[in-house]
């Protein structure tokens, strides 16, 4: 499943890995269910620890449809809202067995 950032330590680790590969990455956050209420898509937990770039999320151009969270290289790997169907790399997690 796409990564869900639950702690500041996780946020820091994910950002460190992202910087290594120098790409934009999807995370598992969305506001597709209720506009403006950001949740982790798999666990349905409201996002409380975030790393939004200043001015984000913004539904660029005052449009709807920017419903997913991505970490952007050009924003120092802080978060932006984007169109969920955009092809990007992604960061996944799996549960410990």
PDB file of N, CA and C in Angstrom:
ATOM      1  N   UNK A   1       0.844  -1.178   0.000  1.00  0.00           N
ATOM      2  CA  UNK A   1       0.000   0.000   0.000  1.00  0.00           C
ATOM      3  C   UNK A   1       0.884   1.235   0.000  1.00  0.00           C
ATOM      4  N   UNK A   2       0.335   2.354  -0.456  1.00  0.00           N
ATOM      5  CA  UNK A   2       1.106   3.598  -0.438  1.00  0.00           C
ATOM      6  C   UNK A   2       1.417   3.994   0.997  1.00  0.00           C
ATOM      7  N   UNK A   3       2.577   4.604   1.190  1.00  0.00           N
ATOM      8  CA  UNK A   3       3.046   4.965   2.529  1.00  0.00           C
ATOM      9  C   UNK A   3       2.118   5.963   3.210  1.00  0.00           C
ATOM     10  N   UNK A   4       1.925   5.743   4.512  1.00  0.00           N
ATOM     11  CA  UNK A   4       1.170   6.638   5.377  1.00  0.00           C
ATOM     12  C   UNK A   4       2.137   7.171   6.432  1.00  0.00           C
ATOM     13  N   UNK A   5       2.255   8.475   6.530  1.00  0.00           N
ATOM     14  CA  UNK A   5       3.204   9.100   7.458  1.00  0.00           C
ATOM     15  C   UNK A   5       2.495   9.334   8.787  1.00  0.00           C
ATOM     16  N   UNK A   6       2.871   8.574   9.798  1.00  0.00           N
ATOM     17  CA  UNK A   6       2.207   8.656  11.099  1.00  0.00           C
ATOM     18  C   UNK A   6       3.040   9.354  12.162  1.00  0.00           C
ATOM     19  N   UNK A   7       4.360   9.448  11.944  1.00  0.00           N
ATOM     20  CA  UNK A   7       5.232  10.074  12.939  1.00  0.00           C
ATOM     21  C   UNK A   7       6.220  11.008  12.248  1.00  0.00           C
ATOM     22  N   UNK A   8       6.791  11.917  13.014  1.00  0.00           N
ATOM     23  CA  UNK A   8       7.802  12.815  12.443  1.00  0.00           C
ATOM     24  C   UNK A   8       9.043  12.023  12.026  1.00  0.00           C
ATOM     25  N   UNK A   9       9.341  10.932  12.725  1.00  0.00           N
ATOM     26  CA  UNK A   9      10.484  10.102  12.352  1.00  0.00           C
ATOM     27  C   UNK A   9      10.246   9.444  10.993  1.00  0.00           C
ATOM     28  N   UNK A  10       9.032   8.924  10.771  1.00  0.00           N
ATOM     29  CA  UNK A  10       8.710   8.341   9.468  1.00  0.00           C
ATOM     30  C   UNK A  10       8.831   9.398   8.370  1.00  0.00           C
ATOM     31  N   UNK A  11       8.306  10.580   8.638  1.00  0.00           N
ATOM     32  CA  UNK A  11       8.369  11.667   7.658  1.00  0.00           C
ATOM     33  C   UNK A  11       9.813  11.954   7.283  1.00  0.00           C
ATOM     34  N   UNK A  12      10.689  12.027   8.259  1.00  0.00           N
ATOM     35  CA  UNK A  12      12.102  12.306   8.023  1.00  0.00           C
ATOM     36  C   UNK A  12      12.771  11.182   7.226  1.00  0.00           C
ATOM     37  N   UNK A  13      12.492   9.941   7.588  1.00  0.00           N
ATOM     38  CA  UNK A  13      13.088   8.797   6.880  1.00  0.00           C
ATOM     39  C   UNK A  13      12.639   8.740   5.425  1.00  0.00           C
ATOM     40  N   UNK A  14      11.344   8.939   5.197  1.00  0.00           N
ATOM     41  CA  UNK A  14      10.816   8.904   3.831  1.00  0.00           C
ATOM     42  C   UNK A  14      11.436  10.019   2.995  1.00  0.00           C
ATOM     43  N   UNK A  15      11.571  11.192   3.575  1.00  0.00           N
ATOM     44  CA  UNK A  15      12.157  12.317   2.851  1.00  0.00           C
ATOM     45  C   UNK A  15      13.620  12.035   2.499  1.00  0.00           C
ATOM     46  N   UNK A  16      14.351  11.418   3.411  1.00  0.00           N
ATOM     47  CA  UNK A  16      15.755  11.070   3.161  1.00  0.00           C
ATOM     48  C   UNK A  16      15.872  10.103   1.991  1.00  0.00           C
ATOM     49  N   UNK A  17      15.031   9.089   1.966  1.00  0.00           N
ATOM     50  CA  UNK A  17      15.039   8.123   0.861  1.00  0.00           C
ATOM     51  C   UNK A  17      14.673   8.817  -0.448  1.00  0.00           C
ATOM     52  N   UNK A  18      13.647   9.656  -0.428  1.00  0.00           N
ATOM     53  CA  UNK A  18      13.210  10.364  -1.639  1.00  0.00           C
ATOM     54  C   UNK A  18      14.337  11.209  -2.225  1.00  0.00           C
ATOM     55  N   UNK A  19      15.081  11.885  -1.381  1.00  0.00           N
ATOM     56  CA  UNK A  19      16.183  12.745  -1.847  1.00  0.00           C
ATOM     57  C   UNK A  19      17.259  11.928  -2.543  1.00  0.00           C
ATOM     58  N   UNK A  20      17.434  10.691  -2.152  1.00  0.00           N
ATOM     59  CA  UNK A  20      18.445   9.825  -2.758  1.00  0.00           C
ATOM     60  C   UNK A  20      18.176   9.609  -4.241  1.00  0.00           C
ATOM     61  N   UNK A  21      16.909   9.467  -4.610  1.00  0.00           N
ATOM     62  CA  UNK A  21      16.552   9.127  -5.986  1.00  0.00           C
ATOM     63  C   UNK A  21      16.106  10.321  -6.820  1.00  0.00           C
ATOM     64  N   UNK A  22      15.905  11.492  -6.191  1.00  0.00           N
ATOM     65  CA  UNK A  22      15.623  12.733  -6.916  1.00  0.00           C
ATOM     66  C   UNK A  22      14.423  12.644  -7.859  1.00  0.00           C
ATOM     67  N   UNK A  23      13.296  12.155  -7.344  1.00  0.00           N
ATOM     68  CA  UNK A  23      12.061  12.070  -8.122  1.00  0.00           C
ATOM     69  C   UNK A  23      10.912  12.633  -7.302  1.00  0.00           C
ATOM     70  N   UNK A  24       9.745  12.781  -7.925  1.00  0.00           N
ATOM     71  CA  UNK A  24       8.503  13.092  -7.215  1.00  0.00           C
ATOM     72  C   UNK A  24       7.836  11.767  -6.850  1.00  0.00           C
ATOM     73  N   UNK A  25       7.185  11.727  -5.692  1.00  0.00           N
ATOM     74  CA  UNK A  25       6.614  10.477  -5.204  1.00  0.00           C
ATOM     75  C   UNK A  25       5.204  10.653  -4.671  1.00  0.00           C
ATOM     76  N   UNK A  26       4.342   9.681  -4.964  1.00  0.00           N
ATOM     77  CA  UNK A  26       3.028   9.629  -4.345  1.00  0.00           C
ATOM     78  C   UNK A  26       3.142   9.054  -2.948  1.00  0.00           C
ATOM     79  N   UNK A  27       2.352   9.615  -2.036  1.00  0.00           N
ATOM     80  CA  UNK A  27       2.121   9.015  -0.720  1.00  0.00           C
ATOM     81  C   UNK A  27       0.661   8.575  -0.681  1.00  0.00           C
ATOM     82  N   UNK A  28       0.223   7.979   0.416  1.00  0.00           N
ATOM     83  CA  UNK A  28      -1.114   7.410   0.484  1.00  0.00           C
ATOM     84  C   UNK A  28      -2.195   8.328   1.024  1.00  0.00           C
ATOM     85  N   UNK A  29      -2.029   9.635   0.914  1.00  0.00           N
ATOM     86  CA  UNK A  29      -3.020  10.573   1.429  1.00  0.00           C
ATOM     87  C   UNK A  29      -3.956  11.088   0.351  1.00  0.00           C
ATOM     88  N   UNK A  30      -5.210  11.369   0.741  1.00  0.00           N
ATOM     89  CA  UNK A  30      -6.205  11.859  -0.211  1.00  0.00           C
ATOM     90  C   UNK A  30      -7.286  12.681   0.500  1.00  0.00           C
ATOM     91  N   UNK A  31      -7.920  13.552  -0.260  1.00  0.00           N
ATOM     92  CA  UNK A  31      -9.141  14.219   0.215  1.00  0.00           C
ATOM     93  C   UNK A  31     -10.280  13.959  -0.778  1.00  0.00           C
ATOM     94  N   UNK A  32     -10.205  12.836  -1.464  1.00  0.00           N
ATOM     95  CA  UNK A  32     -11.196  12.512  -2.490  1.00  0.00           C
ATOM     96  C   UNK A  32     -12.572  12.222  -1.893  1.00  0.00           C
ATOM     97  N   UNK A  33     -12.624  11.762  -0.651  1.00  0.00           N
ATOM     98  CA  UNK A  33     -13.905  11.457  -0.009  1.00  0.00           C
ATOM     99  C   UNK A  33     -14.617  12.748   0.383  1.00  0.00           C
ATOM    100  N   UNK A  34     -13.906  13.640   1.079  1.00  0.00           N
ATOM    101  CA  UNK A  34     -14.447  14.937   1.499  1.00  0.00           C
ATOM    102  C   UNK A  34     -13.400  16.003   1.216  1.00  0.00           C
ATOM    103  N   UNK A  35     -13.691  16.908   0.301  1.00  0.00           N
ATOM    104  CA  UNK A  35     -12.744  17.950  -0.084  1.00  0.00           C
ATOM    105  C   UNK A  35     -12.258  18.717   1.142  1.00  0.00           C
ATOM    106  N   UNK A  36     -10.926  18.796   1.272  1.00  0.00           N
ATOM    107  CA  UNK A  36     -10.316  19.538   2.367  1.00  0.00           C
ATOM    108  C   UNK A  36     -10.051  18.730   3.624  1.00  0.00           C
ATOM    109  N   UNK A  37     -10.587  17.511   3.698  1.00  0.00           N
ATOM    110  CA  UNK A  37     -10.317  16.617   4.829  1.00  0.00           C
ATOM    111  C   UNK A  37      -9.368  15.533   4.329  1.00  0.00           C
ATOM    112  N   UNK A  38      -8.121  15.645   4.709  1.00  0.00           N
ATOM    113  CA  UNK A  38      -7.084  14.732   4.222  1.00  0.00           C
ATOM    114  C   UNK A  38      -6.987  13.523   5.131  1.00  0.00           C
ATOM    115  N   UNK A  39      -7.072  12.338   4.506  1.00  0.00           N
ATOM    116  CA  UNK A  39      -6.980  11.075   5.234  1.00  0.00           C
ATOM    117  C   UNK A  39      -5.957  10.174   4.556  1.00  0.00           C
ATOM    118  N   UNK A  40      -5.503   9.172   5.295  1.00  0.00           N
ATOM    119  CA  UNK A  40      -4.700   8.106   4.704  1.00  0.00           C
ATOM    120  C   UNK A  40      -5.677   7.115   4.088  1.00  0.00           C
ATOM    121  N   UNK A  41      -5.530   6.854   2.801  1.00  0.00           N
ATOM    122  CA  UNK A  41      -6.520   6.114   2.025  1.00  0.00           C
ATOM    123  C   UNK A  41      -6.741   4.688   2.516  1.00  0.00           C
ATOM    124  N   UNK A  42      -5.712   4.008   2.963  1.00  0.00           N
ATOM    125  CA  UNK A  42      -5.891   2.618   3.388  1.00  0.00           C
ATOM    126  C   UNK A  42      -6.451   2.497   4.795  1.00  0.00           C
ATOM    127  N   UNK A  43      -5.935   3.276   5.728  1.00  0.00           N
ATOM    128  CA  UNK A  43      -6.383   3.165   7.121  1.00  0.00           C
ATOM    129  C   UNK A  43      -7.590   4.045   7.423  1.00  0.00           C
ATOM    130  N   UNK A  44      -7.888   5.007   6.542  1.00  0.00           N
ATOM    131  CA  UNK A  44      -8.992   5.963   6.720  1.00  0.00           C
ATOM    132  C   UNK A  44      -8.777   6.890   7.923  1.00  0.00           C
ATOM    133  N   UNK A  45      -7.537   7.030   8.384  1.00  0.00           N
ATOM    134  CA  UNK A  45      -7.192   7.881   9.518  1.00  0.00           C
ATOM    135  C   UNK A  45      -6.943   9.306   9.021  1.00  0.00           C
ATOM    136  N   UNK A  46      -7.497  10.304   9.724  1.00  0.00           N
ATOM    137  CA  UNK A  46      -7.265  11.703   9.372  1.00  0.00           C
ATOM    138  C   UNK A  46      -5.786  12.029   9.566  1.00  0.00           C
ATOM    139  N   UNK A  47      -5.220  12.738   8.613  1.00  0.00           N
ATOM    140  CA  UNK A  47      -3.805  13.095   8.663  1.00  0.00           C
ATOM    141  C   UNK A  47      -3.589  14.191   9.707  1.00  0.00           C
ATOM    142  N   UNK A  48      -2.731  13.902  10.672  1.00  0.00           N
ATOM    143  CA  UNK A  48      -2.418  14.872  11.716  1.00  0.00           C
ATOM    144  C   UNK A  48      -0.988  15.363  11.632  1.00  0.00           C
ATOM    145  N   UNK A  49      -0.086  14.532  11.138  1.00  0.00           N
ATOM    146  CA  UNK A  49       1.302  14.945  10.915  1.00  0.00           C
ATOM    147  C   UNK A  49       1.452  15.131   9.420  1.00  0.00           C
ATOM    148  N   UNK A  50       1.828  16.342   9.020  1.00  0.00           N
ATOM    149  CA  UNK A  50       1.940  16.603   7.587  1.00  0.00           C
ATOM    150  C   UNK A  50       3.216  17.371   7.294  1.00  0.00           C
ATOM    151  N   UNK A  51       3.436  17.630   6.034  1.00  0.00           N
ATOM    152  CA  UNK A  51       4.628  18.350   5.593  1.00  0.00           C
ATOM    153  C   UNK A  51       4.299  19.154   4.334  1.00  0.00           C
ATOM    154  N   UNK A  52       3.169  19.858   4.361  1.00  0.00           N
ATOM    155  CA  UNK A  52       2.739  20.640   3.196  1.00  0.00           C
ATOM    156  C   UNK A  52       3.749  21.745   2.891  1.00  0.00           C
ATOM    157  N   UNK A  53       4.003  21.939   1.613  1.00  0.00           N
ATOM    158  CA  UNK A  53       4.771  23.086   1.157  1.00  0.00           C
ATOM    159  C   UNK A  53       3.909  24.332   1.399  1.00  0.00           C
ATOM    160  N   UNK A  54       4.516  25.485   1.718  1.00  0.00           N
ATOM    161  CA  UNK A  54       3.710  26.697   1.954  1.00  0.00           C
ATOM    162  C   UNK A  54       2.722  26.962   0.806  1.00  0.00           C
ATOM    163  N   UNK A  55       1.483  27.218   1.160  1.00  0.00           N
ATOM    164  CA  UNK A  55       0.434  27.480   0.175  1.00  0.00           C
ATOM    165  C   UNK A  55      -0.281  26.241  -0.313  1.00  0.00           C
ATOM    166  N   UNK A  56       0.160  25.079   0.123  1.00  0.00           N
ATOM    167  CA  UNK A  56      -0.460  23.812  -0.280  1.00  0.00           C
ATOM    168  C   UNK A  56      -1.276  23.252   0.879  1.00  0.00           C
ATOM    169  N   UNK A  57      -2.255  22.442   0.619  1.00  0.00           N
ATOM    170  CA  UNK A  57      -2.824  22.080  -0.674  1.00  0.00           C
ATOM    171  C   UNK A  57      -3.639  23.237  -1.246  1.00  0.00           C
ATOM    172  N   UNK A  58      -3.664  23.327  -2.576  1.00  0.00           N
ATOM    173  CA  UNK A  58      -4.307  24.502  -3.177  1.00  0.00           C
ATOM    174  C   UNK A  58      -5.279  24.224  -4.321  1.00  0.00           C
ATOM    175  N   UNK A  59      -5.461  22.954  -4.725  1.00  0.00           N
ATOM    176  CA  UNK A  59      -6.289  22.697  -5.912  1.00  0.00           C
ATOM    177  C   UNK A  59      -5.919  23.693  -7.009  1.00  0.00           C
ATOM    178  N   UNK A  60      -4.722  23.598  -7.500  1.00  0.00           N
ATOM    179  CA  UNK A  60      -4.130  24.548  -8.444  1.00  0.00           C
ATOM    180  C   UNK A  60      -5.133  25.064  -9.468  1.00  0.00           C
ATOM    181  N   UNK A  61      -5.136  26.371  -9.631  1.00  0.00           N
ATOM    182  CA  UNK A  61      -6.023  27.007 -10.588  1.00  0.00           C
ATOM    183  C   UNK A  61      -7.466  27.016 -10.128  1.00  0.00           C
ATOM    184  N   UNK A  62      -7.663  26.791  -8.824  1.00  0.00           N
ATOM    185  CA  UNK A  62      -8.998  26.783  -8.240  1.00  0.00           C
ATOM    186  C   UNK A  62      -9.872  25.690  -8.855  1.00  0.00           C
ATOM    187  N   UNK A  63      -9.220  24.608  -9.251  1.00  0.00           N
ATOM    188  CA  UNK A  63      -9.960  23.477  -9.816  1.00  0.00           C
ATOM    189  C   UNK A  63     -10.130  22.408  -8.742  1.00  0.00           C
ATOM    190  N   UNK A  64     -10.993  21.473  -9.005  1.00  0.00           N
ATOM    191  CA  UNK A  64     -11.079  20.309  -8.132  1.00  0.00           C
ATOM    192  C   UNK A  64     -10.297  19.191  -8.789  1.00  0.00           C
ATOM    193  N   UNK A  65     -10.085  18.158  -8.060  1.00  0.00           N
ATOM    194  CA  UNK A  65      -9.416  17.006  -8.650  1.00  0.00           C
ATOM    195  C   UNK A  65      -7.989  16.811  -8.200  1.00  0.00           C
ATOM    196  N   UNK A  66      -7.419  17.765  -7.472  1.00  0.00           N
ATOM    197  CA  UNK A  66      -6.100  17.530  -6.899  1.00  0.00           C
ATOM    198  C   UNK A  66      -6.338  16.898  -5.533  1.00  0.00           C
ATOM    199  N   UNK A  67      -6.536  15.591  -5.568  1.00  0.00           N
ATOM    200  CA  UNK A  67      -7.010  14.872  -4.398  1.00  0.00           C
ATOM    201  C   UNK A  67      -5.994  13.918  -3.778  1.00  0.00           C
ATOM    202  N   UNK A  68      -4.776  13.905  -4.261  1.00  0.00           N
ATOM    203  CA  UNK A  68      -3.777  12.984  -3.728  1.00  0.00           C
ATOM    204  C   UNK A  68      -2.509  13.744  -3.336  1.00  0.00           C
ATOM    205  N   UNK A  69      -1.763  13.164  -2.387  1.00  0.00           N
ATOM    206  CA  UNK A  69      -0.554  13.815  -1.865  1.00  0.00           C
ATOM    207  C   UNK A  69       0.680  13.286  -2.573  1.00  0.00           C
ATOM    208  N   UNK A  70       1.509  14.229  -3.024  1.00  0.00           N
ATOM    209  CA  UNK A  70       2.801  13.855  -3.566  1.00  0.00           C
ATOM    210  C   UNK A  70       3.897  14.671  -2.902  1.00  0.00           C
ATOM    211  N   UNK A  71       5.054  14.047  -2.813  1.00  0.00           N
ATOM    212  CA  UNK A  71       6.261  14.734  -2.343  1.00  0.00           C
ATOM    213  C   UNK A  71       6.963  15.254  -3.583  1.00  0.00           C
ATOM    214  N   UNK A  72       7.221  16.563  -3.616  1.00  0.00           N
ATOM    215  CA  UNK A  72       7.789  17.159  -4.826  1.00  0.00           C
ATOM    216  C   UNK A  72       9.260  17.539  -4.659  1.00  0.00           C
ATOM    217  N   UNK A  73      10.053  17.055  -5.584  1.00  0.00           N
ATOM    218  CA  UNK A  73      11.481  17.372  -5.595  1.00  0.00           C
ATOM    219  C   UNK A  73      11.698  18.878  -5.599  1.00  0.00           C
ATOM    220  N   UNK A  74      10.958  19.616  -6.437  1.00  0.00           N
ATOM    221  CA  UNK A  74      11.133  21.069  -6.538  1.00  0.00           C
ATOM    222  C   UNK A  74      10.679  21.819  -5.294  1.00  0.00           C
ATOM    223  N   UNK A  75       9.969  21.145  -4.399  1.00  0.00           N
ATOM    224  CA  UNK A  75       9.487  21.749  -3.143  1.00  0.00           C
ATOM    225  C   UNK A  75      10.254  21.193  -1.947  1.00  0.00           C
ATOM    226  N   UNK A  76      11.515  20.769  -2.166  1.00  0.00           N
ATOM    227  CA  UNK A  76      12.351  20.191  -1.109  1.00  0.00           C
ATOM    228  C   UNK A  76      11.682  18.966  -0.468  1.00  0.00           C
ATOM    229  N   UNK A  77      10.930  18.227  -1.272  1.00  0.00           N
ATOM    230  CA  UNK A  77      10.228  17.012  -0.863  1.00  0.00           C
ATOM    231  C   UNK A  77       9.145  17.257   0.181  1.00  0.00           C
ATOM    232  N   UNK A  78       8.654  18.496   0.210  1.00  0.00           N
ATOM    233  CA  UNK A  78       7.460  18.776   0.995  1.00  0.00           C
ATOM    234  C   UNK A  78       6.251  18.373   0.146  1.00  0.00           C
ATOM    235  N   UNK A  79       5.078  18.380   0.735  1.00  0.00           N
ATOM    236  CA  UNK A  79       3.893  17.835   0.088  1.00  0.00           C
ATOM    237  C   UNK A  79       3.154  18.857  -0.763  1.00  0.00           C
ATOM    238  N   UNK A  80       2.552  18.344  -1.815  1.00  0.00           N
ATOM    239  CA  UNK A  80       1.694  19.095  -2.719  1.00  0.00           C
ATOM    240  C   UNK A  80       0.475  18.217  -3.007  1.00  0.00           C
ATOM    241  N   UNK A  81      -0.627  18.845  -3.356  1.00  0.00           N
ATOM    242  CA  UNK A  81      -1.779  18.068  -3.807  1.00  0.00           C
ATOM    243  C   UNK A  81      -1.706  17.965  -5.322  1.00  0.00           C
ATOM    244  N   UNK A  82      -2.045  16.805  -5.841  1.00  0.00           N
ATOM    245  CA  UNK A  82      -1.969  16.596  -7.280  1.00  0.00           C
ATOM    246  C   UNK A  82      -3.088  15.707  -7.774  1.00  0.00           C
ATOM    247  N   UNK A  83      -3.219  15.642  -9.102  1.00  0.00           N
ATOM    248  CA  UNK A  83      -4.223  14.775  -9.735  1.00  0.00           C
ATOM    249  C   UNK A  83      -3.777  13.322  -9.580  1.00  0.00           C
ATOM    250  N   UNK A  84      -4.621  12.517  -9.011  1.00  0.00           N
ATOM    251  CA  UNK A  84      -4.278  11.145  -8.648  1.00  0.00           C
ATOM    252  C   UNK A  84      -3.894  10.264  -9.833  1.00  0.00           C
ATOM    253  N   UNK A  85      -4.304  10.631 -11.033  1.00  0.00           N
ATOM    254  CA  UNK A  85      -4.003   9.793 -12.195  1.00  0.00           C
ATOM    255  C   UNK A  85      -2.692  10.172 -12.889  1.00  0.00           C
ATOM    256  N   UNK A  86      -1.942  11.102 -12.315  1.00  0.00           N
ATOM    257  CA  UNK A  86      -0.641  11.478 -12.880  1.00  0.00           C
ATOM    258  C   UNK A  86       0.365  10.360 -12.608  1.00  0.00           C
ATOM    259  N   UNK A  87       1.114   9.980 -13.636  1.00  0.00           N
ATOM    260  CA  UNK A  87       2.107   8.925 -13.463  1.00  0.00           C
ATOM    261  C   UNK A  87       3.340   9.469 -12.761  1.00  0.00           C
ATOM    262  N   UNK A  88       3.593   8.939 -11.573  1.00  0.00           N
ATOM    263  CA  UNK A  88       4.765   9.298 -10.781  1.00  0.00           C
ATOM    264  C   UNK A  88       5.279   8.048 -10.081  1.00  0.00           C
ATOM    265  N   UNK A  89       6.480   8.172  -9.535  1.00  0.00           N
ATOM    266  CA  UNK A  89       6.977   7.114  -8.656  1.00  0.00           C
ATOM    267  C   UNK A  89       6.160   7.149  -7.371  1.00  0.00           C
ATOM    268  N   UNK A  90       6.333   6.169  -6.533  1.00  0.00           N
ATOM    269  CA  UNK A  90       5.554   6.105  -5.300  1.00  0.00           C
ATOM    270  C   UNK A  90       6.376   5.441  -4.210  1.00  0.00           C
ATOM    271  N   UNK A  91       5.975   5.702  -2.983  1.00  0.00           N
ATOM    272  CA  UNK A  91       6.608   5.085  -1.830  1.00  0.00           C
ATOM    273  C   UNK A  91       5.567   4.205  -1.163  1.00  0.00           C
ATOM    274  N   UNK A  92       5.912   2.948  -0.997  1.00  0.00           N
ATOM    275  CA  UNK A  92       4.998   1.974  -0.404  1.00  0.00           C
ATOM    276  C   UNK A  92       5.489   1.544   0.977  1.00  0.00           C
ATOM    277  N   UNK A  93       4.579   0.950   1.702  1.00  0.00           N
ATOM    278  CA  UNK A  93       4.917   0.339   2.990  1.00  0.00           C
ATOM    279  C   UNK A  93       4.246  -1.012   3.055  1.00  0.00           C
ATOM    280  N   UNK A  94       4.735  -1.851   3.926  1.00  0.00           N
ATOM    281  CA  UNK A  94       4.066  -3.115   4.174  1.00  0.00           C
ATOM    282  C   UNK A  94       4.066  -3.361   5.669  1.00  0.00           C
ATOM    283  N   UNK A  95       3.100  -4.122   6.115  1.00  0.00           N
ATOM    284  CA  UNK A  95       3.006  -4.425   7.534  1.00  0.00           C
ATOM    285  C   UNK A  95       4.055  -5.453   7.915  1.00  0.00           C
ATOM    286  N   UNK A  96       4.550  -5.332   9.147  1.00  0.00           N
ATOM    287  CA  UNK A  96       5.485  -6.324   9.653  1.00  0.00           C
ATOM    288  C   UNK A  96       4.769  -7.645   9.823  1.00  0.00           C
ATOM    289  N   UNK A  97       5.474  -8.699   9.539  1.00  0.00           N
ATOM    290  CA  UNK A  97       4.848 -10.028   9.647  1.00  0.00           C
ATOM    291  C   UNK A  97       5.113 -10.619  10.996  1.00  0.00           C
TER     292      UNK A  97
END
